[in-house]
Amino acid sequence: MTGDIRHDAARQRYFVVIDGAEAYLTYERPKAGHRRITHTVVPDALGGRGLGKRLVTQVMQDVIAAKETVSSSCWFASALIEKTPAWAGLSA
């Protein structure tokens, strides 16, 4: 699969562009050391490629590396975090 996930910290989003279409994940920082995932969006043209999971995995790797906590108001990210044992303890 082509397309590297990039992080735009200023806009609080992770994104990947493939064939001119963009999939992205947005988050907020309600307090220091914490990220709240707000949306994961994969357009129909990019569906079925696992991009949503890749985006959530990338933000979670960054949360772990920064020793932060995470919460989510995005149903997709919440479900993935809940069923991944390594991430469950990071929720706040």
PDB file of N, CA and C in Angstrom:
ATOM      1  N   MET A   1       0.842  -1.183   0.000  1.00  0.00           N
ATOM      2  CA  MET A   1       0.000   0.000   0.000  1.00  0.00           C
ATOM      3  C   MET A   1       0.884   1.242   0.000  1.00  0.00           C
ATOM      4  N   THR A   2       0.513   2.196  -0.769  1.00  0.00           N
ATOM      5  CA  THR A   2       1.252   3.451  -0.785  1.00  0.00           C
ATOM      6  C   THR A   2       0.616   4.412   0.206  1.00  0.00           C
ATOM      7  N   GLY A   3       1.323   5.448   0.502  1.00  0.00           N
ATOM      8  CA  GLY A   3       0.789   6.479   1.382  1.00  0.00           C
ATOM      9  C   GLY A   3       1.308   6.341   2.800  1.00  0.00           C
ATOM     10  N   ASP A   4       2.136   7.296   3.179  1.00  0.00           N
ATOM     11  CA  ASP A   4       2.654   7.330   4.541  1.00  0.00           C
ATOM     12  C   ASP A   4       1.759   8.220   5.384  1.00  0.00           C
ATOM     13  N   ILE A   5       1.506   7.808   6.593  1.00  0.00           N
ATOM     14  CA  ILE A   5       0.724   8.623   7.507  1.00  0.00           C
ATOM     15  C   ILE A   5       1.606   9.751   8.007  1.00  0.00           C
ATOM     16  N   ARG A   6       1.054  10.946   7.938  1.00  0.00           N
ATOM     17  CA  ARG A   6       1.778  12.127   8.407  1.00  0.00           C
ATOM     18  C   ARG A   6       1.008  12.759   9.559  1.00  0.00           C
ATOM     19  N   HIS A   7       1.744  13.452  10.436  1.00  0.00           N
ATOM     20  CA  HIS A   7       1.148  14.113  11.586  1.00  0.00           C
ATOM     21  C   HIS A   7       1.313  15.615  11.421  1.00  0.00           C
ATOM     22  N   ASP A   8       0.220  16.329  11.470  1.00  0.00           N
ATOM     23  CA  ASP A   8       0.225  17.788  11.439  1.00  0.00           C
ATOM     24  C   ASP A   8      -0.151  18.245  12.841  1.00  0.00           C
ATOM     25  N   ALA A   9       0.846  18.441  13.684  1.00  0.00           N
ATOM     26  CA  ALA A   9       0.595  18.774  15.092  1.00  0.00           C
ATOM     27  C   ALA A   9      -0.120  20.108  15.232  1.00  0.00           C
ATOM     28  N   ALA A  10       0.178  21.064  14.382  1.00  0.00           N
ATOM     29  CA  ALA A  10      -0.456  22.381  14.460  1.00  0.00           C
ATOM     30  C   ALA A  10      -1.963  22.286  14.234  1.00  0.00           C
ATOM     31  N   ARG A  11      -2.383  21.391  13.347  1.00  0.00           N
ATOM     32  CA  ARG A  11      -3.813  21.212  13.053  1.00  0.00           C
ATOM     33  C   ARG A  11      -4.415  20.047  13.844  1.00  0.00           C
ATOM     34  N   GLN A  12      -3.605  19.383  14.660  1.00  0.00           N
ATOM     35  CA  GLN A  12      -4.025  18.254  15.491  1.00  0.00           C
ATOM     36  C   GLN A  12      -4.720  17.186  14.643  1.00  0.00           C
ATOM     37  N   ARG A  13      -3.962  16.690  13.674  1.00  0.00           N
ATOM     38  CA  ARG A  13      -4.522  15.658  12.794  1.00  0.00           C
ATOM     39  C   ARG A  13      -3.422  14.779  12.225  1.00  0.00           C
ATOM     40  N   TYR A  14      -3.807  13.555  11.956  1.00  0.00           N
ATOM     41  CA  TYR A  14      -2.982  12.582  11.238  1.00  0.00           C
ATOM     42  C   TYR A  14      -3.688  12.363   9.911  1.00  0.00           C
ATOM     43  N   PHE A  15      -2.923  12.207   8.844  1.00  0.00           N
ATOM     44  CA  PHE A  15      -3.566  12.036   7.550  1.00  0.00           C
ATOM     45  C   PHE A  15      -2.696  11.249   6.588  1.00  0.00           C
ATOM     46  N   VAL A  16      -3.354  10.702   5.577  1.00  0.00           N
ATOM     47  CA  VAL A  16      -2.669  10.005   4.498  1.00  0.00           C
ATOM     48  C   VAL A  16      -3.440  10.326   3.220  1.00  0.00           C
ATOM     49  N   VAL A  17      -2.695  10.596   2.144  1.00  0.00           N
ATOM     50  CA  VAL A  17      -3.311  10.887   0.851  1.00  0.00           C
ATOM     51  C   VAL A  17      -2.918   9.778  -0.118  1.00  0.00           C
ATOM     52  N   ILE A  18      -3.916   9.161  -0.725  1.00  0.00           N
ATOM     53  CA  ILE A  18      -3.694   8.090  -1.698  1.00  0.00           C
ATOM     54  C   ILE A  18      -4.574   8.386  -2.906  1.00  0.00           C
ATOM     55  N   ASP A  19      -3.961   8.403  -4.070  1.00  0.00           N
ATOM     56  CA  ASP A  19      -4.696   8.658  -5.318  1.00  0.00           C
ATOM     57  C   ASP A  19      -5.547   9.916  -5.229  1.00  0.00           C
ATOM     58  N   GLY A  20      -5.027  10.951  -4.576  1.00  0.00           N
ATOM     59  CA  GLY A  20      -5.718  12.225  -4.479  1.00  0.00           C
ATOM     60  C   GLY A  20      -6.804  12.295  -3.413  1.00  0.00           C
ATOM     61  N   ALA A  21      -7.091  11.199  -2.731  1.00  0.00           N
ATOM     62  CA  ALA A  21      -8.102  11.186  -1.665  1.00  0.00           C
ATOM     63  C   ALA A  21      -7.394  11.163  -0.309  1.00  0.00           C
ATOM     64  N   GLU A  22      -7.997  11.820   0.666  1.00  0.00           N
ATOM     65  CA  GLU A  22      -7.379  11.922   1.984  1.00  0.00           C
ATOM     66  C   GLU A  22      -8.211  11.233   3.056  1.00  0.00           C
ATOM     67  N   ALA A  23      -7.553  10.399   3.853  1.00  0.00           N
ATOM     68  CA  ALA A  23      -8.141   9.817   5.061  1.00  0.00           C
ATOM     69  C   ALA A  23      -7.453  10.526   6.222  1.00  0.00           C
ATOM     70  N   TYR A  24      -8.206  10.799   7.297  1.00  0.00           N
ATOM     71  CA  TYR A  24      -7.592  11.532   8.400  1.00  0.00           C
ATOM     72  C   TYR A  24      -8.222  11.202   9.747  1.00  0.00           C
ATOM     73  N   LEU A  25      -7.484  11.543  10.789  1.00  0.00           N
ATOM     74  CA  LEU A  25      -7.927  11.406  12.172  1.00  0.00           C
ATOM     75  C   LEU A  25      -7.634  12.744  12.839  1.00  0.00           C
ATOM     76  N   THR A  26      -8.615  13.269  13.572  1.00  0.00           N
ATOM     77  CA  THR A  26      -8.403  14.520  14.293  1.00  0.00           C
ATOM     78  C   THR A  26      -8.469  14.258  15.797  1.00  0.00           C
ATOM     79  N   TYR A  27      -7.812  15.124  16.539  1.00  0.00           N
ATOM     80  CA  TYR A  27      -7.813  15.001  17.992  1.00  0.00           C
ATOM     81  C   TYR A  27      -7.758  16.386  18.626  1.00  0.00           C
ATOM     82  N   GLU A  28      -8.038  16.418  19.915  1.00  0.00           N
ATOM     83  CA  GLU A  28      -7.939  17.643  20.707  1.00  0.00           C
ATOM     84  C   GLU A  28      -6.982  17.380  21.863  1.00  0.00           C
ATOM     85  N   ARG A  29      -6.506  18.446  22.444  1.00  0.00           N
ATOM     86  CA  ARG A  29      -5.664  18.350  23.635  1.00  0.00           C
ATOM     87  C   ARG A  29      -6.348  19.129  24.758  1.00  0.00           C
ATOM     88  N   PRO A  30      -7.308  18.480  25.450  1.00  0.00           N
ATOM     89  CA  PRO A  30      -8.043  19.196  26.495  1.00  0.00           C
ATOM     90  C   PRO A  30      -7.185  19.555  27.707  1.00  0.00           C
ATOM     91  N   LYS A  31      -6.087  18.828  27.883  1.00  0.00           N
ATOM     92  CA  LYS A  31      -5.139  19.142  28.961  1.00  0.00           C
ATOM     93  C   LYS A  31      -3.781  18.577  28.568  1.00  0.00           C
ATOM     94  N   ALA A  32      -2.744  19.057  29.227  1.00  0.00           N
ATOM     95  CA  ALA A  32      -1.389  18.600  28.929  1.00  0.00           C
ATOM     96  C   ALA A  32      -1.276  17.095  29.151  1.00  0.00           C
ATOM     97  N   GLY A  33      -0.612  16.410  28.238  1.00  0.00           N
ATOM     98  CA  GLY A  33      -0.384  14.985  28.382  1.00  0.00           C
ATOM     99  C   GLY A  33      -1.580  14.113  28.039  1.00  0.00           C
ATOM    100  N   HIS A  34      -2.572  14.695  27.381  1.00  0.00           N
ATOM    101  CA  HIS A  34      -3.770  13.929  27.042  1.00  0.00           C
ATOM    102  C   HIS A  34      -4.261  14.306  25.641  1.00  0.00           C
ATOM    103  N   ARG A  35      -4.632  13.292  24.868  1.00  0.00           N
ATOM    104  CA  ARG A  35      -5.245  13.513  23.554  1.00  0.00           C
ATOM    105  C   ARG A  35      -6.629  12.889  23.548  1.00  0.00           C
ATOM    106  N   ARG A  36      -7.603  13.610  22.993  1.00  0.00           N
ATOM    107  CA  ARG A  36      -8.945  13.063  22.795  1.00  0.00           C
ATOM    108  C   ARG A  36      -9.164  12.955  21.290  1.00  0.00           C
ATOM    109  N   ILE A  37      -9.318  11.718  20.810  1.00  0.00           N
ATOM    110  CA  ILE A  37      -9.571  11.484  19.390  1.00  0.00           C
ATOM    111  C   ILE A  37     -11.017  11.886  19.113  1.00  0.00           C
ATOM    112  N   THR A  38     -11.208  12.734  18.097  1.00  0.00           N
ATOM    113  CA  THR A  38     -12.550  13.245  17.818  1.00  0.00           C
ATOM    114  C   THR A  38     -13.174  12.648  16.562  1.00  0.00           C
ATOM    115  N   HIS A  39     -12.387  12.397  15.543  1.00  0.00           N
ATOM    116  CA  HIS A  39     -12.943  11.868  14.289  1.00  0.00           C
ATOM    117  C   HIS A  39     -11.914  11.002  13.572  1.00  0.00           C
ATOM    118  N   THR A  40     -12.392   9.954  12.934  1.00  0.00           N
ATOM    119  CA  THR A  40     -11.596   9.183  11.989  1.00  0.00           C
ATOM    120  C   THR A  40     -12.430   9.130  10.721  1.00  0.00           C
ATOM    121  N   VAL A  41     -11.880   9.653   9.631  1.00  0.00           N
ATOM    122  CA  VAL A  41     -12.634   9.751   8.378  1.00  0.00           C
ATOM    123  C   VAL A  41     -11.859   9.076   7.251  1.00  0.00           C
ATOM    124  N   VAL A  42     -12.508   8.097   6.623  1.00  0.00           N
ATOM    125  CA  VAL A  42     -11.941   7.432   5.453  1.00  0.00           C
ATOM    126  C   VAL A  42     -12.991   7.536   4.347  1.00  0.00           C
ATOM    127  N   PRO A  43     -12.670   8.257   3.266  1.00  0.00           N
ATOM    128  CA  PRO A  43     -13.652   8.381   2.185  1.00  0.00           C
ATOM    129  C   PRO A  43     -13.923   7.033   1.515  1.00  0.00           C
ATOM    130  N   ASP A  44     -15.107   6.911   0.936  1.00  0.00           N
ATOM    131  CA  ASP A  44     -15.501   5.662   0.279  1.00  0.00           C
ATOM    132  C   ASP A  44     -14.448   5.172  -0.707  1.00  0.00           C
ATOM    133  N   ALA A  45     -13.816   6.087  -1.415  1.00  0.00           N
ATOM    134  CA  ALA A  45     -12.819   5.706  -2.421  1.00  0.00           C
ATOM    135  C   ALA A  45     -11.628   4.971  -1.814  1.00  0.00           C
ATOM    136  N   LEU A  46     -11.407   5.155  -0.515  1.00  0.00           N
ATOM    137  CA  LEU A  46     -10.271   4.512   0.166  1.00  0.00           C
ATOM    138  C   LEU A  46     -10.705   3.431   1.149  1.00  0.00           C
ATOM    139  N   GLY A  47     -11.989   3.157   1.201  1.00  0.00           N
ATOM    140  CA  GLY A  47     -12.509   2.179   2.147  1.00  0.00           C
ATOM    141  C   GLY A  47     -11.974   0.779   1.912  1.00  0.00           C
ATOM    142  N   GLY A  48     -11.954  -0.019   2.965  1.00  0.00           N
ATOM    143  CA  GLY A  48     -11.559  -1.416   2.872  1.00  0.00           C
ATOM    144  C   GLY A  48     -10.065  -1.657   2.797  1.00  0.00           C
ATOM    145  N   ARG A  49      -9.272  -0.644   3.027  1.00  0.00           N
ATOM    146  CA  ARG A  49      -7.803  -0.785   2.948  1.00  0.00           C
ATOM    147  C   ARG A  49      -7.129  -0.762   4.316  1.00  0.00           C
ATOM    148  N   GLY A  50      -7.927  -0.665   5.364  1.00  0.00           N
ATOM    149  CA  GLY A  50      -7.358  -0.643   6.717  1.00  0.00           C
ATOM    150  C   GLY A  50      -6.777   0.694   7.120  1.00  0.00           C
ATOM    151  N   LEU A  51      -7.138   1.762   6.417  1.00  0.00           N
ATOM    152  CA  LEU A  51      -6.547   3.069   6.715  1.00  0.00           C
ATOM    153  C   LEU A  51      -7.005   3.618   8.062  1.00  0.00           C
ATOM    154  N   GLY A  52      -8.253   3.407   8.416  1.00  0.00           N
ATOM    155  CA  GLY A  52      -8.736   3.867   9.718  1.00  0.00           C
ATOM    156  C   GLY A  52      -7.924   3.241  10.840  1.00  0.00           C
ATOM    157  N   LYS A  53      -7.694   1.955  10.744  1.00  0.00           N
ATOM    158  CA  LYS A  53      -6.896   1.251  11.756  1.00  0.00           C
ATOM    159  C   LYS A  53      -5.459   1.757  11.769  1.00  0.00           C
ATOM    160  N   ARG A  54      -4.895   2.012  10.602  1.00  0.00           N
ATOM    161  CA  ARG A  54      -3.530   2.550  10.538  1.00  0.00           C
ATOM    162  C   ARG A  54      -3.438   3.915  11.208  1.00  0.00           C
ATOM    163  N   LEU A  55      -4.451   4.757  10.996  1.00  0.00           N
ATOM    164  CA  LEU A  55      -4.449   6.089  11.609  1.00  0.00           C
ATOM    165  C   LEU A  55      -4.528   5.993  13.132  1.00  0.00           C
ATOM    166  N   VAL A  56      -5.428   5.164  13.633  1.00  0.00           N
ATOM    167  CA  VAL A  56      -5.563   4.997  15.085  1.00  0.00           C
ATOM    168  C   VAL A  56      -4.284   4.392  15.662  1.00  0.00           C
ATOM    169  N   THR A  57      -3.724   3.415  14.983  1.00  0.00           N
ATOM    170  CA  THR A  57      -2.478   2.797  15.455  1.00  0.00           C
ATOM    171  C   THR A  57      -1.367   3.835  15.552  1.00  0.00           C
ATOM    172  N   GLN A  58      -1.259   4.717  14.577  1.00  0.00           N
ATOM    173  CA  GLN A  58      -0.202   5.740  14.597  1.00  0.00           C
ATOM    174  C   GLN A  58      -0.375   6.692  15.774  1.00  0.00           C
ATOM    175  N   VAL A  59      -1.601   7.180  15.997  1.00  0.00           N
ATOM    176  CA  VAL A  59      -1.790   8.088  17.128  1.00  0.00           C
ATOM    177  C   VAL A  59      -1.518   7.365  18.439  1.00  0.00           C
ATOM    178  N   MET A  60      -1.903   6.103  18.549  1.00  0.00           N
ATOM    179  CA  MET A  60      -1.654   5.367  19.785  1.00  0.00           C
ATOM    180  C   MET A  60      -0.162   5.121  19.998  1.00  0.00           C
ATOM    181  N   GLN A  61       0.586   4.866  18.948  1.00  0.00           N
ATOM    182  CA  GLN A  61       2.044   4.717  19.084  1.00  0.00           C
ATOM    183  C   GLN A  61       2.657   6.022  19.596  1.00  0.00           C
ATOM    184  N   ASP A  62       2.147   7.152  19.099  1.00  0.00           N
ATOM    185  CA  ASP A  62       2.659   8.446  19.547  1.00  0.00           C
ATOM    186  C   ASP A  62       2.266   8.730  20.992  1.00  0.00           C
ATOM    187  N   VAL A  63       1.058   8.338  21.392  1.00  0.00           N
ATOM    188  CA  VAL A  63       0.611   8.496  22.773  1.00  0.00           C
ATOM    189  C   VAL A  63       1.528   7.696  23.706  1.00  0.00           C
ATOM    190  N   ILE A  64       1.818   6.461  23.327  1.00  0.00           N
ATOM    191  CA  ILE A  64       2.696   5.608  24.135  1.00  0.00           C
ATOM    192  C   ILE A  64       4.096   6.218  24.226  1.00  0.00           C
ATOM    193  N   ALA A  65       4.639   6.652  23.096  1.00  0.00           N
ATOM    194  CA  ALA A  65       5.990   7.219  23.075  1.00  0.00           C
ATOM    195  C   ALA A  65       6.096   8.480  23.942  1.00  0.00           C
ATOM    196  N   ALA A  66       5.014   9.263  23.975  1.00  0.00           N
ATOM    197  CA  ALA A  66       5.016  10.504  24.750  1.00  0.00           C
ATOM    198  C   ALA A  66       4.542  10.301  26.192  1.00  0.00           C
ATOM    199  N   LYS A  67       4.206   9.038  26.539  1.00  0.00           N
ATOM    200  CA  LYS A  67       3.702   8.717  27.886  1.00  0.00           C
ATOM    201  C   LYS A  67       2.471   9.557  28.225  1.00  0.00           C
ATOM    202  N   GLU A  68       1.546   9.641  27.267  1.00  0.00           N
ATOM    203  CA  GLU A  68       0.315  10.397  27.439  1.00  0.00           C
ATOM    204  C   GLU A  68      -0.845   9.447  27.734  1.00  0.00           C
ATOM    205  N   THR A  69      -2.008  10.038  27.992  1.00  0.00           N
ATOM    206  CA  THR A  69      -3.246   9.281  28.099  1.00  0.00           C
ATOM    207  C   THR A  69      -4.122   9.659  26.912  1.00  0.00           C
ATOM    208  N   VAL A  70      -5.177   8.880  26.714  1.00  0.00           N
ATOM    209  CA  VAL A  70      -6.037   9.104  25.558  1.00  0.00           C
ATOM    210  C   VAL A  70      -7.495   8.852  25.923  1.00  0.00           C
ATOM    211  N   SER A  71      -8.377   9.555  25.240  1.00  0.00           N
ATOM    212  CA  SER A  71      -9.807   9.277  25.292  1.00  0.00           C
ATOM    213  C   SER A  71     -10.319   9.461  23.868  1.00  0.00           C
ATOM    214  N   SER A  72     -11.551   9.071  23.642  1.00  0.00           N
ATOM    215  CA  SER A  72     -12.072   9.165  22.286  1.00  0.00           C
ATOM    216  C   SER A  72     -13.567   9.414  22.272  1.00  0.00           C
ATOM    217  N   SER A  73     -13.984  10.344  21.433  1.00  0.00           N
ATOM    218  CA  SER A  73     -15.411  10.544  21.172  1.00  0.00           C
ATOM    219  C   SER A  73     -15.755  10.006  19.785  1.00  0.00           C
ATOM    220  N   CYS A  74     -14.794   9.357  19.147  1.00  0.00           N
ATOM    221  CA  CYS A  74     -14.968   8.734  17.831  1.00  0.00           C
ATOM    222  C   CYS A  74     -15.287   7.253  18.046  1.00  0.00           C
ATOM    223  N   TRP A  75     -16.431   6.801  17.539  1.00  0.00           N
ATOM    224  CA  TRP A  75     -16.851   5.414  17.777  1.00  0.00           C
ATOM    225  C   TRP A  75     -15.823   4.417  17.240  1.00  0.00           C
ATOM    226  N   PHE A  76     -15.232   4.704  16.090  1.00  0.00           N
ATOM    227  CA  PHE A  76     -14.293   3.770  15.475  1.00  0.00           C
ATOM    228  C   PHE A  76     -13.036   3.633  16.339  1.00  0.00           C
ATOM    229  N   ALA A  77     -12.454   4.770  16.710  1.00  0.00           N
ATOM    230  CA  ALA A  77     -11.239   4.731  17.533  1.00  0.00           C
ATOM    231  C   ALA A  77     -11.525   4.115  18.892  1.00  0.00           C
ATOM    232  N   SER A  78     -12.667   4.455  19.490  1.00  0.00           N
ATOM    233  CA  SER A  78     -13.024   3.895  20.801  1.00  0.00           C
ATOM    234  C   SER A  78     -13.101   2.378  20.749  1.00  0.00           C
ATOM    235  N   ALA A  79     -13.748   1.849  19.721  1.00  0.00           N
ATOM    236  CA  ALA A  79     -13.884   0.390  19.595  1.00  0.00           C
ATOM    237  C   ALA A  79     -12.524  -0.273  19.441  1.00  0.00           C
ATOM    238  N   LEU A  80     -11.650   0.317  18.655  1.00  0.00           N
ATOM    239  CA  LEU A  80     -10.323  -0.255  18.427  1.00  0.00           C
ATOM    240  C   LEU A  80      -9.479  -0.206  19.699  1.00  0.00           C
ATOM    241  N   ILE A  81      -9.558   0.895  20.420  1.00  0.00           N
ATOM    242  CA  ILE A  81      -8.802   1.024  21.670  1.00  0.00           C
ATOM    243  C   ILE A  81      -9.291  -0.008  22.688  1.00  0.00           C
ATOM    244  N   GLU A  82     -10.600  -0.167  22.803  1.00  0.00           N
ATOM    245  CA  GLU A  82     -11.171  -1.107  23.769  1.00  0.00           C
ATOM    246  C   GLU A  82     -10.772  -2.548  23.495  1.00  0.00           C
ATOM    247  N   LYS A  83     -10.632  -2.918  22.226  1.00  0.00           N
ATOM    248  CA  LYS A  83     -10.303  -4.318  21.941  1.00  0.00           C
ATOM    249  C   LYS A  83      -8.809  -4.574  21.746  1.00  0.00           C
ATOM    250  N   THR A  84      -7.977  -3.577  22.035  1.00  0.00           N
ATOM    251  CA  THR A  84      -6.529  -3.753  21.944  1.00  0.00           C
ATOM    252  C   THR A  84      -5.959  -3.688  23.348  1.00  0.00           C
ATOM    253  N   PRO A  85      -5.627  -4.854  23.943  1.00  0.00           N
ATOM    254  CA  PRO A  85      -5.177  -4.881  25.353  1.00  0.00           C
ATOM    255  C   PRO A  85      -4.021  -3.931  25.659  1.00  0.00           C
ATOM    256  N   ALA A  86      -3.079  -3.768  24.747  1.00  0.00           N
ATOM    257  CA  ALA A  86      -1.926  -2.910  24.994  1.00  0.00           C
ATOM    258  C   ALA A  86      -2.319  -1.431  25.147  1.00  0.00           C
ATOM    259  N   TRP A  87      -3.483  -1.070  24.638  1.00  0.00           N
ATOM    260  CA  TRP A  87      -3.922   0.332  24.701  1.00  0.00           C
ATOM    261  C   TRP A  87      -4.926   0.599  25.798  1.00  0.00           C
ATOM    262  N   ALA A  88      -5.546  -0.406  26.319  1.00  0.00           N
ATOM    263  CA  ALA A  88      -6.641  -0.235  27.279  1.00  0.00           C
ATOM    264  C   ALA A  88      -6.223   0.573  28.506  1.00  0.00           C
ATOM    265  N   GLY A  89      -5.014   0.381  28.984  1.00  0.00           N
ATOM    266  CA  GLY A  89      -4.546   1.078  30.175  1.00  0.00           C
ATOM    267  C   GLY A  89      -4.207   2.539  29.948  1.00  0.00           C
ATOM    268  N   LEU A  90      -4.267   2.995  28.698  1.00  0.00           N
ATOM    269  CA  LEU A  90      -3.926   4.380  28.399  1.00  0.00           C
ATOM    270  C   LEU A  90      -5.129   5.297  28.456  1.00  0.00           C
ATOM    271  N   SER A  91      -6.306   4.718  28.570  1.00  0.00           N
ATOM    272  CA  SER A  91      -7.532   5.518  28.564  1.00  0.00           C
ATOM    273  C   SER A  91      -7.664   6.315  29.860  1.00  0.00           C
ATOM    274  N   ALA A  92      -8.152   7.529  29.687  1.00  0.00           N
ATOM    275  CA  ALA A  92      -8.376   8.383  30.853  1.00  0.00           C
ATOM    276  C   ALA A  92      -9.681   9.131  30.697  1.00  0.00           C
TER     277      ALA A  92
END
